N, C-alpha and C. Protein backbone atom coordinates (compact mmCIF):
# COMPACT_ATOMS: atom_id res chain seq x y z
N MET A 1 -16.29 -1.02 42.18
CA MET A 1 -15.68 -0.25 41.23
C MET A 1 -15.66 -0.48 39.62
N TYR A 2 -16.16 -0.29 38.63
CA TYR A 2 -15.51 -1.01 37.55
C TYR A 2 -14.70 0.02 36.49
N ILE A 3 -14.19 -0.70 35.90
CA ILE A 3 -13.02 0.31 35.04
C ILE A 3 -13.10 0.08 34.01
N SER A 4 -13.28 0.81 32.98
CA SER A 4 -13.14 0.43 31.59
C SER A 4 -11.69 0.51 30.92
N LYS A 5 -11.75 -0.94 30.03
CA LYS A 5 -10.33 -1.04 29.44
C LYS A 5 -10.60 -0.43 28.00
N GLN A 6 -9.74 0.62 27.68
CA GLN A 6 -10.23 0.74 26.17
C GLN A 6 -8.79 0.08 25.32
N ILE A 7 -9.57 -0.38 24.08
CA ILE A 7 -8.68 -1.03 23.35
C ILE A 7 -8.41 -0.64 21.76
N MET A 8 -7.40 -0.84 21.05
CA MET A 8 -7.47 -0.40 20.04
C MET A 8 -8.07 -1.60 19.34
N ARG A 9 -9.10 -1.15 18.12
CA ARG A 9 -9.79 -2.60 17.21
C ARG A 9 -9.42 -2.69 16.26
N ILE A 10 -9.07 -3.82 15.80
CA ILE A 10 -9.14 -3.97 14.38
C ILE A 10 -9.72 -4.97 13.59
N ILE A 11 -10.02 -4.70 12.40
CA ILE A 11 -10.50 -5.93 11.58
C ILE A 11 -9.61 -6.39 10.60
N LEU A 12 -9.32 -7.26 10.33
CA LEU A 12 -8.21 -7.70 9.52
C LEU A 12 -8.62 -8.66 8.51
N GLN A 13 -8.73 -8.39 6.94
CA GLN A 13 -9.24 -9.25 6.37
C GLN A 13 -7.84 -9.41 4.93
N ARG A 14 -7.95 -10.68 4.50
CA ARG A 14 -6.78 -11.00 3.64
C ARG A 14 -7.32 -10.83 2.49
N VAL A 15 -7.10 -10.19 1.49
CA VAL A 15 -7.40 -9.91 0.13
C VAL A 15 -6.49 -10.22 -0.85
N LYS A 16 -7.37 -10.15 -1.91
CA LYS A 16 -6.88 -10.37 -3.41
C LYS A 16 -6.46 -9.06 -4.00
N GLN A 17 -7.41 -7.86 -3.43
CA GLN A 17 -7.45 -6.86 -4.25
C GLN A 17 -8.31 -6.02 -3.17
N ALA A 18 -8.44 -4.72 -2.92
CA ALA A 18 -8.90 -4.20 -2.05
C ALA A 18 -8.76 -2.45 -2.47
N SER A 19 -9.88 -1.46 -2.54
CA SER A 19 -10.17 -0.25 -2.69
C SER A 19 -10.53 0.57 -1.88
N VAL A 20 -10.54 1.67 -1.83
CA VAL A 20 -11.28 2.63 -1.12
C VAL A 20 -11.34 4.08 -1.87
N GLU A 21 -12.61 4.24 -1.82
CA GLU A 21 -13.08 5.45 -2.62
C GLU A 21 -13.42 6.65 -1.83
N THR A 22 -13.50 8.15 -2.14
CA THR A 22 -14.20 9.12 -1.60
C THR A 22 -14.57 10.27 -2.78
N GLY A 23 -15.64 10.64 -2.74
CA GLY A 23 -16.12 11.86 -3.72
C GLY A 23 -15.70 11.04 -4.85
N GLY A 24 -16.26 9.90 -5.63
CA GLY A 24 -15.73 9.31 -6.67
C GLY A 24 -14.73 9.14 -7.13
N GLU A 25 -13.66 9.33 -6.09
CA GLU A 25 -11.97 9.24 -6.45
C GLU A 25 -12.05 8.14 -5.54
N VAL A 26 -10.60 7.21 -6.08
CA VAL A 26 -10.45 6.23 -5.93
C VAL A 26 -8.96 6.71 -5.05
N VAL A 27 -8.40 6.87 -3.69
CA VAL A 27 -8.06 7.15 -2.53
C VAL A 27 -6.77 6.34 -2.20
N GLY A 28 -7.00 5.17 -2.67
CA GLY A 28 -6.23 4.06 -1.87
C GLY A 28 -6.68 2.63 -2.66
N GLN A 29 -5.38 2.28 -3.04
CA GLN A 29 -5.53 0.54 -3.60
C GLN A 29 -4.69 -0.31 -3.65
N ILE A 30 -4.66 -1.57 -3.03
CA ILE A 30 -3.70 -2.64 -3.20
C ILE A 30 -4.40 -3.71 -3.65
N GLY A 31 -3.21 -4.54 -4.30
CA GLY A 31 -3.36 -5.70 -4.59
C GLY A 31 -3.33 -6.88 -3.40
N GLN A 32 -2.75 -8.05 -3.93
CA GLN A 32 -2.95 -8.78 -2.46
C GLN A 32 -2.31 -8.17 -0.98
N GLY A 33 -2.65 -8.77 -0.23
CA GLY A 33 -2.52 -8.34 1.23
C GLY A 33 -3.52 -7.88 2.25
N ALA A 34 -3.46 -7.53 2.70
CA ALA A 34 -4.56 -7.18 4.19
C ALA A 34 -5.43 -5.86 3.94
N LEU A 35 -6.40 -6.07 4.28
CA LEU A 35 -7.12 -4.92 4.39
C LEU A 35 -7.48 -4.72 5.97
N VAL A 36 -7.03 -3.28 6.32
CA VAL A 36 -7.43 -2.97 7.63
C VAL A 36 -7.79 -2.01 8.38
N LEU A 37 -9.04 -2.28 8.95
CA LEU A 37 -10.28 -1.63 9.65
C LEU A 37 -9.77 -0.86 10.56
N LEU A 38 -9.39 0.05 11.26
CA LEU A 38 -8.65 0.53 12.74
C LEU A 38 -9.78 1.55 13.45
N GLY A 39 -9.92 0.96 14.43
CA GLY A 39 -10.80 1.84 15.00
C GLY A 39 -9.84 2.36 16.56
N ALA A 40 -9.96 3.68 16.93
CA ALA A 40 -9.39 4.05 17.97
C ALA A 40 -10.14 4.39 19.27
N GLY A 41 -9.58 3.84 20.37
CA GLY A 41 -10.59 4.11 21.59
C GLY A 41 -9.86 5.30 22.45
N LYS A 42 -10.46 6.11 23.19
CA LYS A 42 -9.89 7.47 24.14
C LYS A 42 -9.15 7.08 25.21
N GLU A 43 -8.95 6.01 25.36
CA GLU A 43 -7.62 5.60 25.80
C GLU A 43 -6.08 5.29 25.48
N ASP A 44 -6.15 4.90 24.12
CA ASP A 44 -5.41 4.32 23.22
C ASP A 44 -4.23 4.83 23.21
N SER A 45 -2.91 4.50 23.12
CA SER A 45 -1.61 5.48 22.86
C SER A 45 -0.52 4.56 22.08
N ASP A 46 0.68 4.86 22.01
CA ASP A 46 1.34 4.79 21.21
C ASP A 46 1.81 2.73 21.26
N GLN A 47 1.77 2.86 22.63
CA GLN A 47 1.98 1.31 22.62
C GLN A 47 1.25 0.30 21.99
N ASP A 48 -0.08 1.09 21.94
CA ASP A 48 -1.13 -0.09 21.41
C ASP A 48 -0.85 -0.26 19.91
N VAL A 49 -0.50 1.14 19.28
CA VAL A 49 -0.22 1.37 17.70
C VAL A 49 0.92 0.13 17.32
N GLU A 50 2.15 0.36 18.32
CA GLU A 50 3.07 -0.57 18.64
C GLU A 50 3.06 -1.80 18.23
N TYR A 51 2.01 -2.70 19.02
CA TYR A 51 1.72 -3.49 19.38
C TYR A 51 1.07 -4.53 18.49
N LEU A 52 -0.09 -3.73 17.78
CA LEU A 52 -1.03 -3.90 16.68
C LEU A 52 -0.26 -4.15 15.24
N VAL A 53 0.62 -3.24 15.05
CA VAL A 53 1.36 -2.94 13.75
C VAL A 53 2.29 -4.23 13.89
N GLU A 54 3.01 -4.12 14.73
CA GLU A 54 4.10 -5.73 14.81
C GLU A 54 3.14 -6.81 14.86
N LYS A 55 2.07 -6.90 15.36
CA LYS A 55 1.32 -8.17 15.37
C LYS A 55 0.63 -8.63 13.73
N ILE A 56 0.23 -7.48 13.00
CA ILE A 56 -0.47 -7.50 11.80
C ILE A 56 0.80 -7.92 10.60
N LEU A 57 1.88 -7.48 10.97
CA LEU A 57 3.21 -7.93 10.11
C LEU A 57 3.46 -8.74 10.23
N GLY A 58 3.44 -9.39 11.59
CA GLY A 58 4.14 -10.74 11.46
C GLY A 58 2.68 -12.23 11.49
N LEU A 59 1.50 -11.67 11.65
CA LEU A 59 0.41 -12.87 11.49
C LEU A 59 0.56 -13.42 10.38
N ARG A 60 0.27 -14.84 10.50
CA ARG A 60 0.59 -15.70 9.24
C ARG A 60 -0.40 -15.97 8.96
N ILE A 61 -1.29 -15.37 7.95
CA ILE A 61 -2.63 -15.65 7.39
C ILE A 61 -2.37 -16.12 5.92
N PHE A 62 -1.18 -16.03 5.11
CA PHE A 62 -0.94 -16.39 3.97
C PHE A 62 -0.48 -17.94 3.69
N GLU A 63 -0.94 -18.55 2.99
CA GLU A 63 -0.74 -20.34 2.64
C GLU A 63 0.87 -20.32 2.59
N ASP A 64 1.63 -21.49 2.40
CA ASP A 64 2.76 -21.92 1.89
C ASP A 64 2.78 -22.67 1.08
N GLU A 65 3.78 -23.15 0.30
CA GLU A 65 3.49 -24.21 -0.85
C GLU A 65 2.87 -25.15 -0.39
N ALA A 66 2.67 -25.78 1.14
CA ALA A 66 2.00 -27.24 1.37
C ALA A 66 0.26 -26.44 1.70
N GLY A 67 -0.03 -25.35 1.62
CA GLY A 67 -1.10 -24.76 1.79
C GLY A 67 -2.05 -24.58 3.08
N LYS A 68 -0.51 -24.23 3.70
CA LYS A 68 -0.88 -23.90 5.74
C LYS A 68 -0.75 -22.43 5.64
N MET A 69 -1.21 -21.77 6.51
CA MET A 69 -1.21 -20.77 6.81
C MET A 69 0.01 -20.25 7.69
N ASN A 70 1.23 -20.31 7.03
CA ASN A 70 2.31 -20.24 7.77
C ASN A 70 3.18 -18.78 7.36
N LEU A 71 2.70 -18.03 6.43
CA LEU A 71 3.25 -16.80 5.74
C LEU A 71 2.30 -15.27 6.21
N SER A 72 3.57 -14.18 6.41
CA SER A 72 3.06 -13.13 7.19
C SER A 72 2.58 -12.53 5.51
N VAL A 73 1.90 -11.27 5.75
CA VAL A 73 2.33 -10.09 4.50
C VAL A 73 3.14 -9.76 4.17
N THR A 74 4.29 -9.68 5.04
CA THR A 74 5.90 -9.30 4.50
C THR A 74 6.41 -10.48 3.84
N ASP A 75 6.29 -11.54 4.41
CA ASP A 75 6.96 -12.78 3.60
C ASP A 75 6.51 -12.98 2.24
N VAL A 76 4.71 -12.58 1.80
CA VAL A 76 4.65 -12.78 0.65
C VAL A 76 4.81 -11.47 -0.49
N GLY A 77 5.32 -10.59 0.30
CA GLY A 77 5.28 -9.07 -0.59
C GLY A 77 4.30 -8.47 -0.64
N GLY A 78 3.06 -8.55 0.30
CA GLY A 78 1.98 -7.49 0.43
C GLY A 78 1.53 -6.91 0.72
N GLU A 79 0.91 -6.14 0.22
CA GLU A 79 0.34 -4.70 0.66
C GLU A 79 -0.39 -4.72 1.89
N ILE A 80 -0.49 -3.21 2.29
CA ILE A 80 -1.76 -2.90 3.50
C ILE A 80 -2.78 -1.83 2.97
N LEU A 81 -3.70 -2.18 3.29
CA LEU A 81 -4.95 -0.66 2.79
C LEU A 81 -5.38 -0.88 4.45
N VAL A 82 -5.04 0.63 5.22
CA VAL A 82 -5.92 0.88 6.38
C VAL A 82 -6.43 1.98 6.10
N VAL A 83 -8.18 1.85 6.51
CA VAL A 83 -9.26 2.60 6.44
C VAL A 83 -9.42 2.58 8.26
N SER A 84 -9.58 4.17 8.54
CA SER A 84 -10.34 4.46 9.56
C SER A 84 -11.76 4.15 9.58
N GLN A 85 -12.11 3.74 11.19
CA GLN A 85 -13.47 3.18 11.15
C GLN A 85 -13.84 3.48 12.64
N PHE A 86 -14.32 4.41 12.80
CA PHE A 86 -14.58 4.57 14.45
C PHE A 86 -15.86 3.87 14.89
N THR A 87 -16.80 3.55 13.75
CA THR A 87 -18.10 2.64 14.10
C THR A 87 -17.27 1.17 14.55
N LEU A 88 -16.13 1.00 14.66
CA LEU A 88 -15.55 -0.47 15.41
C LEU A 88 -16.08 -0.41 16.84
N TYR A 89 -16.37 0.90 17.27
CA TYR A 89 -16.38 1.21 18.68
C TYR A 89 -17.88 1.08 18.86
N GLY A 90 -19.07 1.35 17.98
CA GLY A 90 -20.16 0.85 18.35
C GLY A 90 -20.98 -0.02 19.38
N ASP A 91 -21.32 0.56 20.36
CA ASP A 91 -21.71 -0.09 21.38
C ASP A 91 -23.30 -0.17 21.50
N CYS A 92 -23.93 -1.47 20.97
CA CYS A 92 -25.27 -1.98 21.17
C CYS A 92 -26.16 -3.21 21.87
N ARG A 93 -25.51 -3.00 22.71
CA ARG A 93 -25.92 -3.31 23.94
C ARG A 93 -27.34 -3.04 24.45
N LYS A 94 -27.08 -1.63 24.44
CA LYS A 94 -28.77 -0.76 24.96
C LYS A 94 -29.56 -0.23 23.54
N GLY A 95 -30.81 -0.24 23.66
CA GLY A 95 -31.52 0.44 22.52
C GLY A 95 -31.00 -0.27 21.01
N ARG A 96 -31.41 0.73 20.31
CA ARG A 96 -31.16 0.13 18.59
C ARG A 96 -30.56 1.48 17.78
N ARG A 97 -29.88 2.18 18.43
CA ARG A 97 -28.96 3.02 18.09
C ARG A 97 -27.15 2.80 19.07
N PRO A 98 -26.35 2.45 17.83
CA PRO A 98 -25.14 2.57 18.48
C PRO A 98 -24.40 3.41 19.29
N SER A 99 -24.05 3.45 20.50
CA SER A 99 -23.25 4.61 20.91
C SER A 99 -21.89 4.38 20.78
N PHE A 100 -21.32 5.44 20.55
CA PHE A 100 -19.87 5.72 20.29
C PHE A 100 -18.85 6.39 21.43
N ASP A 101 -19.58 6.18 22.61
CA ASP A 101 -19.10 6.82 23.78
C ASP A 101 -17.65 6.87 24.07
N LYS A 102 -17.09 5.45 23.56
CA LYS A 102 -15.83 5.04 24.10
C LYS A 102 -14.65 4.93 22.66
N ALA A 103 -15.21 5.61 21.77
CA ALA A 103 -14.31 6.00 20.75
C ALA A 103 -13.44 7.05 20.83
N ALA A 104 -12.47 7.08 20.47
CA ALA A 104 -11.77 8.39 20.66
C ALA A 104 -11.91 9.52 19.62
N PRO A 105 -11.93 10.61 20.64
CA PRO A 105 -12.26 11.80 19.35
C PRO A 105 -11.50 11.84 18.53
N PRO A 106 -12.28 12.73 17.50
CA PRO A 106 -11.27 12.95 15.83
C PRO A 106 -9.76 13.31 16.40
N GLU A 107 -9.44 14.35 16.74
CA GLU A 107 -8.03 14.81 16.86
C GLU A 107 -7.12 13.55 17.22
N VAL A 108 -7.83 12.76 18.24
CA VAL A 108 -7.05 11.97 18.84
C VAL A 108 -6.87 10.62 17.84
N ALA A 109 -8.03 10.15 17.69
CA ALA A 109 -8.25 8.92 16.61
C ALA A 109 -6.93 9.42 15.27
N GLU A 110 -7.18 10.64 14.84
CA GLU A 110 -6.57 10.85 13.74
C GLU A 110 -5.14 10.76 13.71
N ALA A 111 -4.52 11.12 14.95
CA ALA A 111 -3.13 11.17 15.30
C ALA A 111 -2.84 9.86 15.44
N LEU A 112 -3.40 8.82 16.38
CA LEU A 112 -2.81 7.64 16.60
C LEU A 112 -3.41 6.93 15.04
N TYR A 113 -4.18 6.96 14.23
CA TYR A 113 -4.24 6.32 12.60
C TYR A 113 -3.00 6.59 11.66
N GLU A 114 -2.65 8.32 11.90
CA GLU A 114 -1.32 8.29 11.34
C GLU A 114 -0.16 7.40 11.52
N LYS A 115 -0.01 7.53 13.25
CA LYS A 115 1.11 7.12 13.78
C LYS A 115 1.34 5.50 13.12
N PHE A 116 -0.17 5.10 13.27
CA PHE A 116 -0.30 3.01 12.34
C PHE A 116 0.56 3.24 11.23
N VAL A 117 -0.32 4.07 10.37
CA VAL A 117 0.57 3.89 9.08
C VAL A 117 1.48 4.61 8.97
N GLN A 118 2.40 5.44 9.62
CA GLN A 118 3.48 5.60 9.81
C GLN A 118 4.55 4.44 10.13
N LYS A 119 3.88 3.86 11.11
CA LYS A 119 4.92 2.46 11.65
C LYS A 119 4.74 1.65 10.72
N ILE A 120 3.95 1.32 9.98
CA ILE A 120 3.63 0.28 8.96
C ILE A 120 5.12 0.85 7.30
N ARG A 121 5.08 2.07 7.64
CA ARG A 121 5.63 2.82 6.54
C ARG A 121 7.50 2.28 6.78
N ASP A 122 7.40 2.45 8.16
CA ASP A 122 8.67 2.23 9.28
C ASP A 122 9.29 0.83 8.65
N PHE A 123 8.31 0.07 8.40
CA PHE A 123 8.95 -1.56 8.41
C PHE A 123 9.15 -1.82 6.70
N CYS A 124 9.17 -0.67 5.74
CA CYS A 124 8.73 -0.46 4.43
C CYS A 124 8.11 -1.63 3.74
N VAL A 125 6.84 -1.55 4.54
CA VAL A 125 6.13 -2.48 3.91
C VAL A 125 4.93 -1.24 3.14
N PRO A 126 4.59 -1.71 1.63
CA PRO A 126 3.85 -0.45 1.36
C PRO A 126 2.17 -0.33 1.61
N VAL A 127 1.90 0.91 1.51
CA VAL A 127 0.64 0.99 2.72
C VAL A 127 -0.13 1.85 1.52
N GLN A 128 -1.33 2.09 1.49
CA GLN A 128 -2.41 2.98 1.41
C GLN A 128 -3.42 3.45 2.24
N THR A 129 -3.91 4.12 2.39
CA THR A 129 -4.97 4.64 2.93
C THR A 129 -6.36 5.17 2.36
N GLY A 130 -7.17 5.06 3.39
CA GLY A 130 -8.63 5.82 3.20
C GLY A 130 -8.53 7.36 3.53
N LYS A 131 -9.88 8.41 3.95
CA LYS A 131 -9.41 9.37 3.79
C LYS A 131 -9.93 9.32 5.23
N PHE A 132 -9.29 10.04 6.04
CA PHE A 132 -9.66 10.01 7.67
C PHE A 132 -10.68 10.78 7.95
N GLY A 133 -12.28 10.45 8.37
CA GLY A 133 -13.17 10.99 8.70
C GLY A 133 -14.49 11.29 7.47
N ALA A 134 -13.36 10.96 6.45
CA ALA A 134 -14.65 10.86 5.28
C ALA A 134 -15.61 9.86 4.64
N MET A 135 -16.50 9.98 4.33
CA MET A 135 -17.52 8.61 4.04
C MET A 135 -16.87 8.16 2.88
N MET A 136 -16.54 6.75 2.86
CA MET A 136 -15.87 6.36 1.99
C MET A 136 -16.67 4.88 1.42
N ASP A 137 -16.43 4.24 0.14
CA ASP A 137 -16.70 3.25 -0.22
C ASP A 137 -15.29 2.35 -0.23
N VAL A 138 -15.69 0.98 0.32
CA VAL A 138 -14.58 0.01 0.52
C VAL A 138 -15.17 -1.12 -0.49
N GLN A 139 -13.96 -1.40 -1.32
CA GLN A 139 -14.33 -2.78 -2.08
C GLN A 139 -12.99 -3.61 -1.73
N LEU A 140 -13.48 -4.66 -1.61
CA LEU A 140 -12.64 -5.83 -1.73
C LEU A 140 -12.81 -7.28 -2.16
N THR A 141 -11.83 -7.66 -2.36
CA THR A 141 -11.90 -9.67 -2.53
C THR A 141 -11.64 -10.06 -1.40
N ASN A 142 -12.37 -10.58 -0.53
CA ASN A 142 -11.92 -11.11 0.76
C ASN A 142 -11.52 -12.85 0.17
N TRP A 143 -9.85 -13.17 0.32
CA TRP A 143 -8.89 -14.37 -0.07
C TRP A 143 -9.54 -15.22 0.94
N GLY A 144 -10.46 -16.29 0.57
CA GLY A 144 -10.68 -17.09 1.86
C GLY A 144 -11.82 -17.76 1.90
N PRO A 145 -12.81 -17.41 2.51
CA PRO A 145 -12.74 -15.75 3.15
C PRO A 145 -11.53 -15.97 4.15
N VAL A 146 -10.76 -15.12 5.02
CA VAL A 146 -10.15 -14.73 6.14
C VAL A 146 -10.08 -13.47 6.65
N THR A 147 -10.95 -13.63 7.64
CA THR A 147 -11.31 -12.23 8.55
C THR A 147 -10.73 -12.59 10.18
N ILE A 148 -9.70 -12.00 10.47
CA ILE A 148 -9.34 -11.85 11.81
C ILE A 148 -9.81 -10.33 12.46
N MET A 149 -9.77 -10.74 13.88
CA MET A 149 -10.46 -9.74 14.71
C MET A 149 -9.18 -9.60 15.42
N LEU A 150 -8.47 -8.54 16.02
CA LEU A 150 -7.62 -8.07 16.57
C LEU A 150 -7.84 -6.59 17.67
N ASP A 151 -7.24 -6.76 18.85
CA ASP A 151 -7.01 -5.50 19.77
C ASP A 151 -5.75 -5.73 20.48
N SER A 152 -5.87 -4.56 21.04
CA SER A 152 -4.42 -4.28 21.67
C SER A 152 -4.07 -4.71 22.90
N LYS A 153 -5.59 -5.34 23.74
CA LYS A 153 -5.29 -5.68 25.43
C LYS A 153 -5.06 -7.05 25.05
N ARG A 154 -5.30 -7.47 23.58
CA ARG A 154 -5.28 -8.99 23.37
C ARG A 154 -6.44 -9.74 24.29
N GLU A 155 -7.87 -9.48 24.29
CA GLU A 155 -8.85 -10.20 24.71
C GLU A 155 -9.58 -11.16 24.05
N PHE A 156 -9.04 -10.32 22.21
CA PHE A 156 -9.45 -12.14 21.64
C PHE A 156 -8.33 -12.16 20.56
């Protein structure tokens, strides 16, 4: 019997700046820091949120004076922009249209998203957000470029 493992998924990009706009209005904007695209699965929990927040806040993706990635977003006084993105659960293995069956339903995903953002705030890290469920335009200057994939079940 195959048991599906659900995982909270994140794409994290180190940025010089990033912003998110909806309906012609900028709803979130940061300078140096991290853009976090967050996708929640049906079985994700508060433990998934806690693990990933602590992971991204401690992840050493910023360069020190020697040019090595030894500093975290908190070490450099960076900001975080969190954007919900259920399409991270797009399963394209069959056919030509992605299936989003494993994505959390909107009410569950929104609650997890809000907990994620609040947990970052609890660590006193400046955080901005997009607008959950809205069509958004995201602009960023990826610095490096540095793009990291993370998941709450530590599969990569």
